């Protein structure tokens, strides 16, 4: 009889966690339905061009950083 007691506690704890998780999930699902009602205006042409320019600058910066790291690795310089 003493061996079944921990398993009953475990089942009870699992049931409690399951109920709490169910409440949380159903609450979040209700919020997701509300968020679908939000209308989003498309970005303007100018904003999209600004985003493309920014992405291009980031790509150029990453390419320069990679080239610098390769150059440092070839010359045996540890930058850290």
Protein backbone atom coordinates (compact mmCIF):
# COMPACT_ATOMS: atom_id res chain seq x y z
CA UNK A 1 0.00 0.00 0.00
CA UNK A 2 2.89 2.36 0.75
CA UNK A 3 4.19 1.93 -2.80
CA UNK A 4 0.99 3.20 -4.43
CA UNK A 5 0.97 6.43 -2.43
CA UNK A 6 3.75 8.22 -4.36
CA UNK A 7 2.15 7.24 -7.66
CA UNK A 8 -1.18 8.71 -6.51
CA UNK A 9 0.59 11.94 -5.57
CA UNK A 10 2.26 11.95 -8.97
CA UNK A 11 -1.04 11.41 -10.76
CA UNK A 12 -2.64 14.17 -8.70
CA UNK A 13 0.20 16.58 -9.48
CA UNK A 14 0.05 15.68 -13.17
CA UNK A 15 -3.70 16.28 -13.22
CA UNK A 16 -3.26 19.67 -11.55
CA UNK A 17 -0.54 20.67 -14.03
CA UNK A 18 -2.75 19.50 -16.89
CA UNK A 19 -5.67 21.64 -15.69
CA UNK A 20 -3.45 24.70 -15.26
CA UNK A 21 -1.92 24.20 -18.71
CA UNK A 22 -5.39 23.82 -20.23
CA UNK A 23 -6.53 27.08 -18.67
CA UNK A 24 -3.44 28.90 -19.89
CA UNK A 25 -3.73 27.53 -23.42
CA UNK A 26 -7.42 28.36 -23.68
CA UNK A 27 -6.72 31.87 -22.41
CA UNK A 28 -3.98 32.36 -25.03
CA UNK A 29 -6.22 31.00 -27.79
CA UNK A 30 -8.81 33.63 -26.89
CA UNK A 31 -6.18 36.33 -27.25
CA UNK A 32 -5.02 34.99 -30.61
CA UNK A 33 -8.55 35.34 -31.99
CA UNK A 34 -8.65 38.96 -30.88
CA UNK A 35 -5.35 39.79 -32.52
CA UNK A 36 -6.62 38.70 -35.93
CA UNK A 37 -8.96 41.68 -35.94
CA UNK A 38 -6.10 44.18 -36.08
CA UNK A 39 -5.69 45.81 -39.47
CA UNK A 40 -2.17 46.40 -40.69
CA UNK A 41 -1.38 49.03 -43.27
CA UNK A 42 1.19 48.00 -45.86
CA UNK A 43 4.58 49.68 -45.75
CA UNK A 44 5.12 52.57 -48.11
CA UNK A 45 7.49 52.34 -51.06
CA UNK A 46 9.91 54.69 -49.30
CA UNK A 47 9.93 52.55 -46.15
CA UNK A 48 10.60 49.39 -48.15
CA UNK A 49 13.49 51.10 -49.95
CA UNK A 50 14.89 52.21 -46.59
CA UNK A 51 14.66 48.62 -45.37
CA UNK A 52 16.43 47.32 -48.49
CA UNK A 53 19.19 49.91 -48.06
CA UNK A 54 19.60 48.95 -44.41
CA UNK A 55 19.81 45.26 -45.29
CA UNK A 56 22.40 46.05 -47.95
CA UNK A 57 24.51 48.00 -45.45
CA UNK A 58 24.30 45.14 -42.95
CA UNK A 59 25.31 42.63 -45.62
CA UNK A 60 28.28 44.80 -46.62
CA UNK A 61 29.33 45.14 -42.97
CA UNK A 62 29.16 41.37 -42.46
CA UNK A 63 31.20 40.75 -45.63
CA UNK A 64 33.91 43.17 -44.43
CA UNK A 65 33.94 41.53 -40.99
CA UNK A 66 34.30 38.04 -42.51
CA UNK A 67 37.12 39.25 -44.78
CA UNK A 68 38.89 40.81 -41.80
CA UNK A 69 38.55 37.61 -39.79
CA UNK A 70 39.88 35.52 -42.69
CA UNK A 71 42.78 37.92 -43.14
CA UNK A 72 43.56 37.78 -39.42
CA UNK A 73 43.36 33.96 -39.43
CA UNK A 74 45.75 33.72 -42.38
CA UNK A 75 48.26 36.06 -40.78
CA UNK A 76 48.03 34.23 -37.43
CA UNK A 77 46.72 37.22 -35.47
CA UNK A 78 44.32 36.40 -32.66
CA UNK A 79 41.76 39.22 -32.44
CA UNK A 80 40.21 38.08 -29.13
